[in-house]
Amino acid sequence: MPIVMPDDLHALAAAIYQAAGTPPEHARIVASHNVGANLAGHDSHGIVRLPTYVERIAKGHIVPAARPRVIAETPTTLFVDGQWGFGPVISEWTMERLIEKARDVRVAVGAVRDQSHVGRLADYPLKAAQAGFIGLMMCDSGQGTKHVAPFGGRAARLGTNPLAIAFPSDLPGPVFLDMATSAVAGGKLLVARARKQRIPFGWLLDRDGRPTDDPNAQVEGGVMLPLGGPEGHKGYALSFAVETLAALLPGLGFGIDPQGRHNDGAFILVVDPGAFQPPAEFKASVAAFVRYLKETPPAEGFAEVLYPGEIEYRTEQRRRQEGIAVEDDTWQRVSAIAERFGLAHLLRTGAT
């Protein structure tokens, strides 16, 4: 797989988005989210998404210059219409507004409708944590294509319905969780297909309802399973909660509209820990809690106990130095798009 340095990958992605009709500032934001996902090791939401985004622009499913429109607002709430703009642009703007509200009133809640794919969900709660707040975000694809069966079923009725929560702390690396309520994030199947890898049993059922380790089964009539394996009723219930808050609450409905665009409805919560204790004390407590957990003797087969977000932090430090490995299939698709737009000179590979 080619190795691409982060700055080179960002320059390439931003240039491609601009060539596809995206305003420069929006292109920079989307490219930053793509490359940030790769840096954190979440390649499922990284540059592998670029060909799909460009295709959706061409189809009119993404309006690259769209800006958010406020549907309704109070001192503590914000309801936003993304007007089919880029999810990273719309959700970043919404999170920034909610952080400002939380500075004034301690807690702020938002909902977003009619925006494209938001990318790596943790990016938005992490903005809140960097500002000293607790951030939470849930997401659902509205009436877009579904991929996940409810527990006990064999037909898709749910999205992957992820949620992310981030906490401020005194640690050098951020403390957060970012998880799909399905057995695996849909993008990881995309990466497995691109890398021609088998997948663990428990992620998918094939078209006949049988467990499979073939990632292609998803696009051949198969269905993803909820988080939890034999305890999948827990992931299913959590997915139900996410879809209710992120899709039903902002009025996206449920079910599938085959003609509909991918529509990432979102529910966002920002909390000022200063409403309960001095913020510095809370940050110190989170860091102390992490140290307490990391002092746990490791079980057999484990080198150490990691805190939520630690793997991503370590991966980012390494990839900033060593570069990002992009699977051959993805690089070929991105390269073809770059050449089509006359940007082949930006296809730089190799670590510096």
Protein backbone atom coordinates (compact mmCIF):
# COMPACT_ATOMS: atom_id res chain seq x y z
CA MET A 1 0.00 0.00 0.00
CA PRO A 2 1.33 3.48 -0.80
CA ILE A 3 2.39 5.65 2.15
CA VAL A 4 1.16 9.26 2.02
CA MET A 5 2.17 12.01 4.44
CA PRO A 6 -0.78 13.70 6.18
CA ASP A 7 -0.17 17.18 4.72
CA ASP A 8 0.11 15.76 1.20
CA LEU A 9 -3.08 13.75 1.62
CA HIS A 10 -4.92 16.80 2.95
CA ALA A 11 -3.73 18.96 0.04
CA LEU A 12 -4.85 16.30 -2.45
CA ALA A 13 -8.29 15.81 -0.89
CA ALA A 14 -8.97 19.55 -0.54
CA ALA A 15 -7.96 20.17 -4.15
CA ILE A 16 -10.22 17.37 -5.41
CA TYR A 17 -13.19 18.69 -3.45
CA GLN A 18 -12.59 22.18 -4.81
CA ALA A 19 -12.34 20.85 -8.35
CA ALA A 20 -15.68 19.09 -7.78
CA GLY A 21 -17.30 22.44 -6.94
CA THR A 22 -16.70 22.84 -3.21
CA PRO A 23 -15.82 26.27 -1.77
CA PRO A 24 -12.20 26.33 -0.49
CA GLU A 25 -13.10 26.63 3.21
CA HIS A 26 -15.60 23.76 3.00
CA ALA A 27 -13.07 21.67 1.07
CA ARG A 28 -10.48 22.27 3.79
CA ILE A 29 -12.89 21.20 6.54
CA VAL A 30 -13.97 17.99 4.79
CA ALA A 31 -10.39 17.08 3.90
CA SER A 32 -9.35 17.67 7.53
CA HIS A 33 -12.02 15.24 8.73
CA ASN A 34 -11.00 12.63 6.14
CA VAL A 35 -7.30 12.81 7.00
CA GLY A 36 -8.00 13.08 10.73
CA ALA A 37 -9.86 9.77 10.59
CA ASN A 38 -6.90 8.15 8.82
CA LEU A 39 -4.50 9.58 11.39
CA ALA A 40 -6.55 8.13 14.24
CA GLY A 41 -6.54 4.70 12.59
CA HIS A 42 -10.19 4.90 11.55
CA ASP A 43 -9.45 4.35 7.87
CA SER A 44 -13.10 3.41 7.39
CA HIS A 45 -13.93 7.14 7.61
CA GLY A 46 -10.81 8.50 5.96
CA ILE A 47 -9.78 9.08 2.37
CA VAL A 48 -11.67 5.92 1.37
CA ARG A 49 -14.80 8.11 1.58
CA LEU A 50 -13.60 10.65 -0.97
CA PRO A 51 -14.77 8.82 -4.13
CA THR A 52 -18.26 8.42 -2.64
CA TYR A 53 -18.43 12.09 -1.65
CA VAL A 54 -17.37 13.20 -5.13
CA GLU A 55 -19.96 10.90 -6.69
CA ARG A 56 -22.67 12.33 -4.42
CA ILE A 57 -21.72 15.86 -5.44
CA ALA A 58 -22.10 14.87 -9.10
CA LYS A 59 -25.52 13.34 -8.39
CA GLY A 60 -26.69 16.41 -6.49
CA HIS A 61 -26.96 14.44 -3.25
CA ILE A 62 -24.39 16.74 -1.63
CA VAL A 63 -24.70 20.50 -2.15
CA PRO A 64 -21.06 21.44 -1.55
CA ALA A 65 -21.61 25.18 -0.98
CA ALA A 66 -24.63 24.75 1.32
CA ARG A 67 -24.52 26.43 4.71
CA PRO A 68 -26.60 25.63 7.81
CA ARG A 69 -29.98 27.24 8.35
CA VAL A 70 -31.44 27.58 11.83
CA ILE A 71 -34.95 26.10 12.00
CA ALA A 72 -35.56 26.93 15.65
CA GLU A 73 -33.49 28.22 18.55
CA THR A 74 -33.76 28.95 22.27
CA PRO A 75 -31.07 29.88 24.80
CA THR A 76 -30.40 26.15 25.39
CA THR A 77 -31.42 24.47 22.11
CA LEU A 78 -30.56 24.64 18.41
CA PHE A 79 -32.34 22.90 15.53
CA VAL A 80 -30.43 23.07 12.23
CA ASP A 81 -31.29 22.34 8.60
CA GLY A 82 -28.10 21.34 6.81
CA GLN A 83 -29.64 22.03 3.40
CA TRP A 84 -27.81 18.93 2.10
CA GLY A 85 -24.39 20.40 2.74
CA PHE A 86 -21.29 18.47 3.73
CA GLY A 87 -21.83 16.81 7.11
CA PRO A 88 -18.45 17.93 8.50
CA VAL A 89 -19.24 21.55 7.61
CA ILE A 90 -22.77 21.53 9.05
CA SER A 91 -22.03 19.52 12.20
CA GLU A 92 -18.84 21.43 13.01
CA TRP A 93 -20.74 24.72 12.77
CA THR A 94 -23.54 23.34 14.95
CA MET A 95 -21.14 22.05 17.60
CA GLU A 96 -19.37 25.42 17.75
CA ARG A 97 -22.69 27.19 18.29
CA LEU A 98 -23.67 24.75 21.04
CA ILE A 99 -20.33 25.23 22.80
CA GLU A 100 -20.97 28.98 22.87
CA LYS A 101 -24.43 28.38 24.31
CA ALA A 102 -23.02 26.09 26.99
CA ARG A 103 -20.59 28.83 28.02
CA ASP A 104 -23.60 30.97 28.85
CA VAL A 105 -26.19 28.51 30.16
CA ARG A 106 -24.09 25.45 31.18
CA VAL A 107 -25.87 22.96 28.91
CA ALA A 108 -26.94 23.03 25.26
CA VAL A 109 -28.78 20.53 23.08
CA GLY A 110 -28.93 20.44 19.30
CA ALA A 111 -30.43 18.44 16.46
CA VAL A 112 -29.49 18.46 12.78
CA ARG A 113 -31.38 17.23 9.74
CA ASP A 114 -30.69 17.11 5.99
CA GLN A 115 -26.91 16.93 5.92
CA SER A 116 -24.59 14.49 4.20
CA HIS A 117 -22.34 11.89 5.85
CA VAL A 118 -20.62 13.43 8.89
CA GLY A 119 -17.53 11.22 8.79
CA ARG A 120 -15.82 10.16 12.01
CA LEU A 121 -18.32 10.97 14.74
CA ALA A 122 -15.77 11.55 17.53
CA ASP A 123 -14.51 14.69 15.79
CA TYR A 124 -17.44 16.74 17.08
CA PRO A 125 -17.57 15.76 20.79
CA LEU A 126 -13.77 16.16 20.78
CA LYS A 127 -14.22 19.81 19.85
CA ALA A 128 -16.34 20.21 22.97
CA ALA A 129 -13.77 18.40 25.13
CA GLN A 130 -10.97 20.60 23.77
CA ALA A 131 -13.00 23.61 24.89
CA GLY A 132 -13.41 22.12 28.39
CA PHE A 133 -16.89 20.62 27.98
CA ILE A 134 -18.38 17.14 27.89
CA GLY A 135 -19.64 16.45 24.37
CA LEU A 136 -22.02 13.78 23.09
CA MET A 137 -23.27 13.11 19.58
CA MET A 138 -25.51 10.44 18.06
CA CYS A 139 -26.15 9.95 14.38
CA ASP A 140 -28.57 8.11 12.07
CA SER A 141 -29.09 8.01 8.31
CA GLY A 142 -32.80 8.85 8.40
CA GLN A 143 -34.67 7.10 5.60
CA GLY A 144 -31.48 6.33 3.72
CA THR A 145 -30.37 2.80 2.94
CA LYS A 146 -30.29 0.57 6.03
CA HIS A 147 -27.72 -2.14 6.71
CA VAL A 148 -28.40 -3.58 10.18
CA ALA A 149 -30.96 -6.15 11.28
CA PRO A 150 -32.75 -5.81 14.63
CA PHE A 151 -31.81 -8.52 17.10
CA GLY A 152 -33.41 -11.79 16.02
CA GLY A 153 -34.07 -10.58 12.47
CA ARG A 154 -32.40 -11.16 9.10
CA ALA A 155 -33.49 -8.07 7.17
CA ALA A 156 -32.04 -4.55 7.45
CA ARG A 157 -34.19 -2.12 9.41
CA LEU A 158 -31.61 0.07 11.19
CA GLY A 159 -28.57 2.18 10.42
CA THR A 160 -25.21 1.58 12.08
CA ASN A 161 -26.39 4.34 14.45
CA PRO A 162 -23.13 5.44 16.09
CA LEU A 163 -22.61 7.49 19.22
CA ALA A 164 -19.57 9.31 20.59
CA ILE A 165 -18.81 10.93 23.95
CA ALA A 166 -15.69 12.94 24.85
CA PHE A 167 -14.47 14.19 28.24
CA PRO A 168 -12.00 16.97 29.06
CA SER A 169 -8.95 15.88 31.05
CA ASP A 170 -5.38 16.79 31.94
CA LEU A 171 -4.02 13.93 29.82
CA PRO A 172 -2.01 14.61 26.65
CA GLY A 173 -4.35 12.33 24.67
CA PRO A 174 -8.14 12.84 24.50
CA VAL A 175 -10.51 10.59 26.46
CA PHE A 176 -13.48 9.51 24.36
CA LEU A 177 -15.54 6.66 22.99
CA ASP A 178 -16.77 6.41 19.42
CA MET A 179 -18.76 3.34 18.51
CA ALA A 180 -21.36 2.01 16.14
CA THR A 181 -24.29 0.19 17.70
CA SER A 182 -23.88 -2.42 14.97
CA ALA A 183 -21.31 -5.18 15.37
CA VAL A 184 -18.94 -3.14 13.20
CA ALA A 185 -18.91 0.26 11.52
CA GLY A 186 -20.06 0.08 7.92
CA GLY A 187 -16.86 1.73 6.74
CA LYS A 188 -14.78 -1.14 8.09
CA LEU A 189 -16.54 -3.44 5.64
CA LEU A 190 -15.71 -0.92 2.90
CA VAL A 191 -12.03 -1.11 3.90
CA ALA A 192 -12.13 -4.93 4.13
CA ARG A 193 -13.50 -5.10 0.59
CA ALA A 194 -10.87 -2.67 -0.66
CA ARG A 195 -8.11 -4.73 0.98
CA LYS A 196 -9.69 -8.05 -0.04
CA GLN A 197 -9.67 -9.26 3.57
CA ARG A 198 -11.96 -11.71 5.32
CA ILE A 199 -13.91 -10.47 8.33
CA PRO A 200 -14.74 -12.02 11.72
CA PHE A 201 -17.87 -14.13 11.98
CA GLY A 202 -20.53 -12.22 13.88
CA TRP A 203 -20.41 -9.09 11.71
CA LEU A 204 -22.68 -10.19 8.85
CA LEU A 205 -25.32 -12.62 7.72
CA ASP A 206 -25.36 -13.51 4.01
CA ARG A 207 -28.45 -13.25 1.81
CA ASP A 208 -29.67 -16.59 3.15
CA GLY A 209 -29.37 -15.49 6.79
CA ARG A 210 -26.19 -17.48 7.51
CA PRO A 211 -23.10 -16.14 9.32
CA THR A 212 -20.30 -15.26 6.90
CA ASP A 213 -16.73 -13.96 6.87
CA ASP A 214 -17.06 -12.49 3.35
CA PRO A 215 -17.30 -8.65 3.42
CA ASN A 216 -18.87 -8.71 -0.05
CA ALA A 217 -21.94 -10.37 1.44
CA GLN A 218 -23.12 -6.93 2.58
CA VAL A 219 -23.53 -5.71 -1.00
CA GLU A 220 -24.89 -9.05 -2.21
CA GLY A 221 -28.08 -9.03 -0.16
CA GLY A 222 -26.59 -9.71 3.26
CA VAL A 223 -27.19 -7.79 6.48
CA MET A 224 -25.09 -6.45 9.34
CA LEU A 225 -25.75 -7.56 12.91
CA PRO A 226 -26.25 -5.44 16.03
CA LEU A 227 -23.46 -5.04 18.58
CA GLY A 228 -23.17 -7.76 21.18
CA GLY A 229 -23.18 -11.13 19.42
CA PRO A 230 -25.34 -13.44 21.55
CA GLU A 231 -26.12 -10.39 23.70
CA GLY A 232 -27.09 -8.41 20.61
CA HIS A 233 -30.37 -7.31 22.17
CA LYS A 234 -28.29 -4.70 24.04
CA GLY A 235 -26.80 -3.25 20.86
CA TYR A 236 -30.22 -3.37 19.24
CA ALA A 237 -31.83 -1.42 22.10
CA LEU A 238 -29.02 1.12 22.04
CA SER A 239 -29.47 1.49 18.28
CA PHE A 240 -33.19 2.06 18.83
CA ALA A 241 -32.39 4.88 21.26
CA VAL A 242 -29.92 6.50 18.86
CA GLU A 243 -32.36 6.39 15.95
CA THR A 244 -35.15 7.83 18.09
CA LEU A 245 -33.01 10.81 19.17
CA ALA A 246 -31.10 11.39 15.92
CA ALA A 247 -33.81 10.60 13.34
CA LEU A 248 -37.28 10.68 14.84
CA LEU A 249 -36.67 13.74 17.03
CA PRO A 250 -35.51 15.97 14.12
CA GLY A 251 -38.35 14.62 11.97
CA LEU A 252 -36.47 12.35 9.56
CA GLY A 253 -38.77 9.41 10.18
CA PHE A 254 -37.78 5.76 9.90
CA GLY A 255 -37.79 3.02 7.32
CA ILE A 256 -36.27 3.27 3.86
CA ASP A 257 -36.87 5.65 0.97
CA PRO A 258 -35.01 4.00 -1.96
CA GLN A 259 -34.81 7.34 -3.77
CA GLY A 260 -33.61 9.27 -0.76
CA ARG A 261 -30.18 10.77 -0.16
CA HIS A 262 -27.90 9.73 2.66
CA ASN A 263 -29.18 11.96 5.46
CA ASP A 264 -27.20 12.02 8.70
CA GLY A 265 -29.60 13.20 11.36
CA ALA A 266 -27.80 14.13 14.57
CA PHE A 267 -28.48 14.68 18.26
CA ILE A 268 -25.82 16.70 20.10
CA LEU A 269 -25.37 17.50 23.79
CA VAL A 270 -22.78 19.82 25.36
CA VAL A 271 -22.40 20.01 29.15
CA ASP A 272 -20.24 22.39 31.17
CA PRO A 273 -18.74 20.39 34.07
CA GLY A 274 -18.51 23.72 35.90
CA ALA A 275 -22.22 23.37 36.63
CA PHE A 276 -21.29 20.63 39.12
CA GLN A 277 -17.70 21.25 40.25
CA PRO A 278 -14.73 23.44 39.33
CA PRO A 279 -13.73 22.44 35.79
CA ALA A 280 -10.08 21.99 36.72
CA GLU A 281 -11.08 19.51 39.41
CA PHE A 282 -13.20 17.53 36.97
CA LYS A 283 -10.39 17.36 34.40
CA ALA A 284 -7.98 16.21 37.10
CA SER A 285 -10.49 13.58 38.25
CA VAL A 286 -10.84 12.16 34.76
CA ALA A 287 -7.07 11.91 34.44
CA ALA A 288 -6.80 10.28 37.88
CA PHE A 289 -9.54 7.79 36.93
CA VAL A 290 -7.60 6.90 33.79
CA ARG A 291 -4.39 6.33 35.76
CA TYR A 292 -6.29 4.15 38.24
CA LEU A 293 -7.64 1.99 35.42
CA LYS A 294 -4.27 1.73 33.69
CA GLU A 295 -2.72 0.41 36.90
CA THR A 296 -4.92 -2.69 36.58
CA PRO A 297 -2.80 -5.85 36.14
CA PRO A 298 -3.27 -7.00 32.53
CA ALA A 299 -5.10 -10.24 31.84
CA GLU A 300 -3.47 -13.06 29.91
CA GLY A 301 -2.95 -12.07 26.31
CA PHE A 302 -2.94 -8.33 27.04
CA ALA A 303 0.13 -6.12 27.44
CA GLU A 304 -1.69 -3.36 29.31
CA VAL A 305 -5.04 -1.75 30.02
CA LEU A 306 -5.82 1.14 27.68
CA TYR A 307 -8.18 4.03 28.32
CA PRO A 308 -10.89 4.93 25.77
CA GLY A 309 -9.21 6.91 23.02
CA GLU A 310 -5.64 5.87 23.82
CA ILE A 311 -5.20 3.66 20.75
CA GLU A 312 -6.30 6.52 18.49
CA TYR A 313 -3.90 8.93 20.21
CA ARG A 314 -0.93 6.60 19.81
CA THR A 315 -1.85 5.83 16.22
CA GLU A 316 -2.05 9.51 15.36
CA GLN A 317 1.37 10.25 16.86
CA ARG A 318 2.88 7.42 14.83
CA ARG A 319 1.14 8.19 11.55
CA ARG A 320 2.05 11.87 11.70
CA GLN A 321 5.66 10.77 11.62
CA GLU A 322 5.50 7.68 9.42
CA GLY A 323 2.67 8.61 7.07
CA ILE A 324 -0.67 7.01 6.26
CA ALA A 325 -0.93 3.69 4.43
CA VAL A 326 -3.72 3.83 1.86
CA GLU A 327 -5.02 0.54 0.46
CA ASP A 328 -4.20 0.07 -3.23
CA ASP A 329 -7.82 -0.04 -4.37
CA THR A 330 -8.62 3.25 -2.63
CA TRP A 331 -5.47 4.95 -3.94
CA GLN A 332 -6.28 3.85 -7.48
CA ARG A 333 -9.79 5.30 -7.24
CA VAL A 334 -8.55 8.56 -5.72
CA SER A 335 -5.78 8.78 -8.32
CA ALA A 336 -8.27 8.34 -11.15
CA ILE A 337 -10.38 11.20 -9.79
CA ALA A 338 -7.31 13.42 -9.35
CA GLU A 339 -6.21 12.74 -12.93
CA ARG A 340 -9.70 13.49 -14.21
CA PHE A 341 -9.55 16.90 -12.53
CA GLY A 342 -6.00 17.61 -13.72
CA LEU A 343 -4.51 17.17 -10.25
CA ALA A 344 -2.13 14.28 -10.90
CA HIS A 345 0.79 16.44 -9.70
CA LEU A 346 -0.64 16.21 -6.16
CA LEU A 347 -0.40 12.39 -6.05
CA ARG A 348 2.64 12.33 -3.79
CA THR A 349 3.59 9.14 -1.97
CA GLY A 350 6.43 8.10 0.31
CA ALA A 351 7.36 9.17 3.84
CA THR A 352 9.56 12.24 4.22
